[in-house]
Protein backbone atom coordinates (compact mmCIF):
# COMPACT_ATOMS: atom_id res chain seq x y z
CA MET A 1 19.72 14.45 -29.54
CA THR A 2 20.25 12.04 -26.69
CA ALA A 3 17.03 9.17 -24.76
CA VAL A 4 16.72 9.67 -21.39
CA ASP A 5 14.25 7.14 -19.38
CA GLY A 6 13.00 6.04 -22.87
CA ARG A 7 12.45 9.72 -24.06
CA VAL A 8 14.21 11.89 -26.45
CA VAL A 9 15.32 15.15 -25.34
CA ILE A 10 17.24 18.08 -27.22
CA ASP A 11 21.13 18.20 -26.44
CA GLY A 12 22.15 21.53 -25.40
CA GLY A 13 25.91 21.44 -24.40
CA PRO A 14 28.72 18.85 -23.91
CA SER A 15 26.60 17.29 -20.77
CA GLY A 16 23.74 16.51 -22.91
CA SER A 17 21.06 18.40 -21.33
CA ALA A 18 19.44 20.88 -22.42
CA ASP A 19 20.13 24.01 -20.94
CA ALA A 20 17.03 26.70 -21.60
CA THR A 21 18.71 29.42 -19.56
CA GLY A 22 19.35 32.74 -21.00
CA ALA A 23 16.81 34.69 -23.29
CA ALA A 24 13.36 35.94 -21.69
CA GLY A 25 10.58 34.01 -23.70
CA GLY A 26 13.00 30.96 -24.62
CA PRO A 27 11.65 27.01 -23.86
CA PRO A 28 10.81 26.26 -20.68
CA ARG A 29 13.77 25.28 -18.20
CA ARG A 30 14.69 21.69 -18.07
CA SER A 31 16.81 19.33 -15.18
CA ARG A 32 20.15 18.01 -16.09
CA ALA A 33 17.94 14.73 -17.35
CA GLY A 34 15.94 16.70 -19.92
CA ARG A 35 12.66 16.90 -18.14
CA ASN A 36 10.61 20.24 -17.90
CA LEU A 37 10.90 20.29 -14.04
CA PRO A 38 8.65 22.66 -13.04
CA ALA A 39 5.60 21.72 -15.21
CA ALA A 40 6.11 17.89 -14.31
CA ILE A 41 5.85 18.47 -10.82
CA GLY A 42 2.85 20.69 -10.81
CA VAL A 43 1.14 18.26 -13.22
CA GLY A 44 2.22 15.10 -11.23
CA ALA A 45 1.08 17.26 -8.13
CA LEU A 46 -2.65 17.85 -9.72
CA LEU A 47 -2.87 14.05 -10.48
CA GLY A 48 -1.77 13.22 -7.17
CA ALA A 49 -5.11 15.24 -5.69
CA ILE A 50 -6.65 13.65 -8.27
CA ILE A 51 -5.74 10.24 -7.47
CA LEU A 52 -6.11 10.29 -3.65
CA VAL A 53 -8.96 12.07 -2.95
CA PRO A 54 -11.51 9.95 -4.41
CA LEU A 55 -9.12 6.64 -3.24
CA PHE A 56 -9.55 8.03 0.27
CA THR A 57 -13.49 9.14 0.35
CA VAL A 58 -15.08 7.47 -2.55
CA ARG A 59 -13.39 4.37 -4.10
CA ALA A 60 -16.00 3.73 -6.61
CA ALA A 61 -14.48 7.20 -7.74
CA PHE A 62 -10.89 6.15 -7.55
CA VAL A 63 -11.86 3.32 -9.87
CA GLY A 64 -13.75 5.64 -12.41
CA VAL A 65 -10.49 7.71 -12.45
CA ILE A 66 -8.66 4.72 -12.95
CA SER A 67 -11.05 3.63 -16.38
CA VAL A 68 -10.99 6.97 -17.78
CA ALA A 69 -6.80 7.02 -17.59
CA VAL A 70 -6.90 3.42 -18.95
CA ALA A 71 -9.42 4.55 -21.91
CA LEU A 72 -7.15 7.27 -22.92
CA GLY A 73 -3.74 5.08 -22.31
CA THR A 74 -5.42 2.74 -24.79
CA TRP A 75 -6.42 5.22 -27.46
CA GLU A 76 -2.69 6.66 -27.30
CA VAL A 77 -1.69 2.84 -27.73
CA ILE A 78 -3.51 2.29 -30.56
CA ARG A 79 -3.01 5.04 -32.21
CA ALA A 80 0.94 4.02 -31.94
CA VAL A 81 0.49 0.96 -33.44
CA TRP A 82 -1.27 2.51 -36.50
CA LEU A 83 1.97 4.47 -37.40
CA THR A 84 3.52 0.55 -37.58
CA GLY A 85 0.24 -0.07 -40.21
CA VAL A 86 -1.55 -2.51 -37.99
CA ARG A 87 -5.46 -2.06 -37.84
CA VAL A 88 -7.04 -2.49 -34.35
CA PRO A 89 -10.58 -1.17 -33.98
CA PRO A 90 -10.61 1.64 -31.55
CA VAL A 91 -14.18 1.38 -30.20
CA PRO A 92 -14.20 -2.23 -28.82
CA LEU A 93 -10.72 -1.77 -27.46
CA VAL A 94 -11.42 1.94 -25.61
CA ALA A 95 -15.16 0.21 -23.96
CA GLY A 96 -13.03 -2.83 -23.15
CA ALA A 97 -10.79 -0.29 -21.39
CA LEU A 98 -13.12 1.43 -19.32
CA ALA A 99 -14.98 -1.72 -18.29
CA MET A 100 -12.39 -4.41 -17.32
CA PRO A 101 -11.32 -1.85 -13.89
CA VAL A 102 -14.83 -1.23 -13.20
CA VAL A 103 -16.26 -5.65 -13.96
CA ALA A 104 -13.22 -5.90 -11.66
CA TYR A 105 -14.07 -3.85 -9.09
CA VAL A 106 -17.55 -5.42 -9.15
CA ALA A 107 -17.14 -9.04 -10.01
CA GLY A 108 -13.34 -9.73 -9.24
CA THR A 109 -10.81 -11.64 -11.22
CA THR A 110 -13.55 -13.95 -12.92
CA GLY A 111 -15.10 -10.86 -14.16
CA LEU A 112 -11.68 -9.12 -15.30
CA LEU A 113 -10.58 -12.33 -17.02
CA LEU A 114 -14.38 -12.53 -18.49
CA THR A 115 -14.14 -8.84 -19.76
CA LEU A 116 -10.96 -9.24 -21.60
CA ALA A 117 -12.38 -12.10 -23.56
CA ALA A 118 -15.23 -10.17 -24.67
CA THR A 119 -13.10 -6.97 -25.14
CA VAL A 120 -10.67 -9.55 -27.58
CA GLY A 121 -13.53 -11.36 -29.23
CA VAL A 122 -15.60 -8.17 -30.08
CA GLY A 123 -12.80 -6.41 -31.30
CA ILE A 124 -11.26 -9.47 -33.88
CA ALA A 125 -15.17 -9.61 -35.13
CA VAL A 126 -15.39 -5.99 -35.69
CA ARG A 127 -11.72 -6.52 -37.15
CA ALA A 128 -12.85 -9.53 -39.31
CA ALA A 129 -15.51 -7.24 -41.38
CA GLY A 130 -12.96 -5.33 -42.30
CA PRO A 131 -10.21 -6.32 -45.83
CA ALA A 132 -8.70 -9.90 -45.20
CA GLY A 133 -4.75 -8.32 -45.92
CA GLY A 134 -2.84 -8.50 -42.27
CA LEU A 135 -5.90 -10.54 -40.41
CA VAL A 136 -3.86 -12.12 -38.30
CA ARG A 137 -1.32 -9.58 -37.60
CA ASP A 138 -4.08 -7.34 -36.55
CA VAL A 139 -5.33 -9.87 -34.29
CA SER A 140 -2.44 -10.04 -32.57
CA GLY A 141 -2.53 -6.14 -32.37
CA ILE A 142 -5.75 -5.94 -30.87
CA ALA A 143 -4.97 -8.64 -28.36
CA PHE A 144 -1.97 -6.91 -27.01
CA VAL A 145 -3.65 -3.44 -26.60
CA ALA A 146 -6.25 -5.29 -24.67
CA GLY A 147 -4.06 -6.66 -22.25
CA TYR A 148 -1.02 -4.14 -22.05
CA VAL A 149 -3.35 -1.51 -20.47
CA GLY A 150 -6.78 -2.79 -19.74
CA PHE A 151 -6.52 -5.84 -18.03
CA PRO A 152 -3.31 -5.34 -15.80
CA ALA A 153 -5.43 -1.30 -14.23
CA GLY A 154 -8.27 -3.76 -13.26
CA PHE A 155 -5.78 -5.53 -10.70
CA ALA A 156 -5.40 -1.89 -9.23
CA ALA A 157 -9.20 -1.85 -8.84
CA LEU A 158 -8.91 -5.00 -7.24
CA LEU A 159 -6.74 -3.61 -4.49
CA THR A 160 -9.06 -0.97 -3.55
CA GLU A 161 -11.89 -4.00 -2.36
CA PRO A 162 -10.74 -5.17 1.11
CA SER A 163 -11.87 -2.73 4.17
CA ASP A 164 -8.04 -1.78 3.77
CA GLY A 165 -8.13 -1.31 -0.01
CA SER A 166 -7.09 2.65 0.10
CA TRP A 167 -4.15 1.46 1.65
CA ARG A 168 -2.65 -1.29 0.28
CA VAL A 169 -3.11 1.09 -3.18
CA LEU A 170 -1.16 4.03 -1.64
CA ALA A 171 1.21 0.88 -1.26
CA PHE A 172 1.35 -0.26 -4.99
CA LEU A 173 1.25 3.90 -5.74
CA GLY A 174 3.74 5.30 -3.35
CA THR A 175 5.86 2.49 -4.14
CA VAL A 176 5.84 2.59 -7.66
CA VAL A 177 6.33 6.54 -7.47
CA ALA A 178 9.29 5.90 -5.11
CA SER A 179 10.74 3.62 -7.91
CA ASP A 180 10.56 6.92 -10.59
CA VAL A 181 12.03 9.76 -8.49
CA GLY A 182 15.02 7.19 -6.75
CA GLY A 183 15.97 6.23 -10.17
CA TYR A 184 15.78 9.73 -11.60
CA THR A 185 17.30 11.69 -8.69
CA ALA A 186 20.32 8.78 -7.89
CA GLY A 187 20.50 8.84 -12.21
CA VAL A 188 21.32 12.45 -12.15
CA LEU A 189 23.57 12.69 -9.29
CA SER A 190 25.98 9.83 -10.38
CA GLY A 191 25.46 10.76 -13.68
CA GLY A 192 24.37 7.58 -15.14
CA ARG A 193 27.57 5.64 -16.27
CA HIS A 194 26.52 2.36 -16.34
CA LYS A 195 23.94 1.73 -18.64
CA MET A 196 20.77 -1.16 -18.12
CA ALA A 197 19.98 -1.29 -21.75
CA PRO A 198 22.00 1.50 -23.87
CA SER A 199 19.91 -0.14 -26.79
CA VAL A 200 16.62 0.36 -25.23
CA SER A 201 16.78 3.50 -23.12
CA PRO A 202 20.47 4.75 -22.94
CA GLY A 203 19.24 7.29 -20.18
CA LYS A 204 19.01 3.72 -17.98
CA SER A 205 21.67 3.02 -15.42
CA TRP A 206 22.22 0.63 -12.87
CA GLU A 207 22.96 3.59 -10.59
CA GLY A 208 19.42 5.23 -11.00
CA PHE A 209 17.53 1.37 -10.75
CA ALA A 210 20.07 0.72 -7.39
CA GLY A 211 18.22 4.15 -6.04
CA SER A 212 14.92 2.86 -7.18
CA VAL A 213 15.35 -0.70 -4.94
CA ALA A 214 16.40 1.75 -2.01
CA ALA A 215 13.48 4.36 -2.72
CA CYS A 216 11.06 1.56 -2.84
CA VAL A 217 12.63 -0.65 0.15
CA LEU A 218 11.70 2.33 2.37
CA VAL A 219 8.59 3.39 0.76
CA ALA A 220 6.83 0.27 0.49
CA GLY A 221 8.54 -1.10 4.63
CA ILE A 222 7.24 2.07 6.07
CA ILE A 223 3.55 1.40 4.57
CA VAL A 224 3.47 -1.89 4.30
CA ALA A 225 4.15 -2.35 8.32
CA TRP A 226 2.43 1.00 8.85
CA PRO A 227 -0.63 1.40 8.58
CA LEU A 228 -0.93 -1.91 6.88
CA GLY A 229 0.14 -4.11 10.05
CA ALA A 230 2.44 -6.29 8.14
CA HIS A 231 6.02 -7.46 8.90
CA ALA A 232 8.49 -4.93 7.58
CA TRP A 233 10.28 -7.90 5.99
CA GLN A 234 7.29 -8.57 3.19
CA GLY A 235 7.82 -4.56 2.44
CA VAL A 236 11.10 -4.98 1.36
CA LEU A 237 9.88 -7.42 -0.47
CA LEU A 238 6.92 -5.70 -2.02
CA GLY A 239 9.96 -2.92 -2.36
CA LEU A 240 12.15 -5.15 -4.26
CA ALA A 241 8.87 -6.74 -6.62
CA THR A 242 8.01 -3.11 -7.48
CA ALA A 243 11.37 -1.36 -8.52
CA CYS A 244 12.19 -4.71 -10.97
CA ALA A 245 8.21 -4.66 -12.29
CA ALA A 246 8.89 -0.80 -12.63
CA THR A 247 11.74 -0.71 -14.31
CA ILE A 248 10.71 -3.97 -16.59
CA GLY A 249 7.40 -2.03 -17.07
CA ASP A 250 8.91 1.22 -18.44
CA LEU A 251 11.64 -0.51 -20.57
CA GLY A 252 8.98 -2.11 -22.42
CA GLU A 253 7.55 0.85 -22.98
CA SER A 254 10.81 2.70 -24.35
CA LEU A 255 11.17 -0.74 -26.17
CA LEU A 256 7.57 0.42 -28.10
CA LYS A 257 8.25 3.78 -28.56
CA ARG A 258 11.99 3.20 -30.20
CA ASP A 259 10.33 0.39 -32.77
CA ILE A 260 7.51 2.52 -33.89
CA GLY A 261 9.48 5.71 -33.96
CA ILE A 262 8.13 7.91 -31.38
CA LYS A 263 9.28 10.51 -29.02
CA ASP A 264 5.87 9.79 -26.47
CA MET A 265 3.10 8.35 -26.61
CA SER A 266 1.69 11.70 -26.73
CA ASN A 267 1.93 15.51 -25.23
CA LEU A 268 -1.32 15.18 -23.00
CA LEU A 269 0.62 15.68 -19.11
CA PRO A 270 3.27 18.63 -19.91
CA GLY A 271 6.68 17.19 -18.36
CA HIS A 272 5.48 13.89 -19.02
CA GLY A 273 4.50 13.02 -21.98
CA GLY A 274 0.98 11.11 -22.32
CA VAL A 275 -1.39 9.36 -19.85
CA MET A 276 1.01 5.96 -21.33
CA ASP A 277 4.03 7.37 -20.20
CA ARG A 278 3.06 7.52 -16.71
CA LEU A 279 1.26 4.56 -16.74
CA ASP A 280 3.93 1.97 -18.12
CA SER A 281 5.44 0.99 -14.45
CA LEU A 282 2.02 1.50 -12.84
CA LEU A 283 0.21 -1.13 -15.21
CA CYS A 284 3.32 -3.57 -14.93
CA THR A 285 3.33 -3.53 -11.12
CA ALA A 286 -0.41 -3.40 -10.51
CA PRO A 287 -1.09 -7.28 -10.83
CA VAL A 288 2.60 -8.19 -8.80
CA ALA A 289 1.68 -5.97 -5.92
CA TRP A 290 -2.14 -7.35 -5.89
CA LEU A 291 -0.51 -10.65 -5.74
CA LEU A 292 1.97 -10.00 -2.88
CA LEU A 293 -0.27 -7.95 -1.13
CA ALA A 294 -3.35 -10.63 -0.97
CA ALA A 295 -0.86 -13.36 0.44
CA PHE A 296 0.83 -10.94 2.94
CA LEU A 297 -2.34 -10.09 3.96
CA ALA A 298 -4.84 -12.42 3.98
């Protein structure tokens, strides 16, 4: 088996690719990088519609989509953390994840910070009522889960606040998607010979990162210059920052899964893994995108 972009895939030949051609009724066809591309593309298109339709119609509904996504992602992270023996209470953490994007949308950064504090506080109180053993470890787990998923998602909701908020969100989402597509394409076409972090994600390569940077700069430069009306060089900076942040987010989740010993956070999304396997790069990038776009478009 090999790991590609943080996901374990079954080797089907000397090249390390999973080849499922041949027998009828066999496993689905996979790409050279181990993904089930038809399923991944289909799920990706459906997710895009679920995100973009409310984003450009009813922004409050888009914030609701964020809340549901991060609640599911939080549950996946909680289940993964449980495998390590860390006991974190699911109800306050999932409830806090649901609330943080909504409160950020309504009350801004102050509300987001207060909701994060309340989520951690209630989580600690619930856990403190249980066994005393491992309490400090579990408190750290509570803070990690709340800060890793729900809190950065609040910045995605904050992006919608200005009058051009829908386009700011599109700049953020489109650039992160460009990072994934550009990195995947460049990595596959080049063979990914120069590994970036082989001990964490053997499939990550510097060739793929170069593809991510190029795609991010192109997409961010276009969207920031038009329709947001800022300077193209500002889009270039957003693209560079997004490529770095998205890669860090992807590697961070890969490290977490490797330490826990799991392949994906879940199998909820065919061709993608779990919700957190799609949110990892987005969550790490959301605060960066919010900060840069707020500065560029002030």
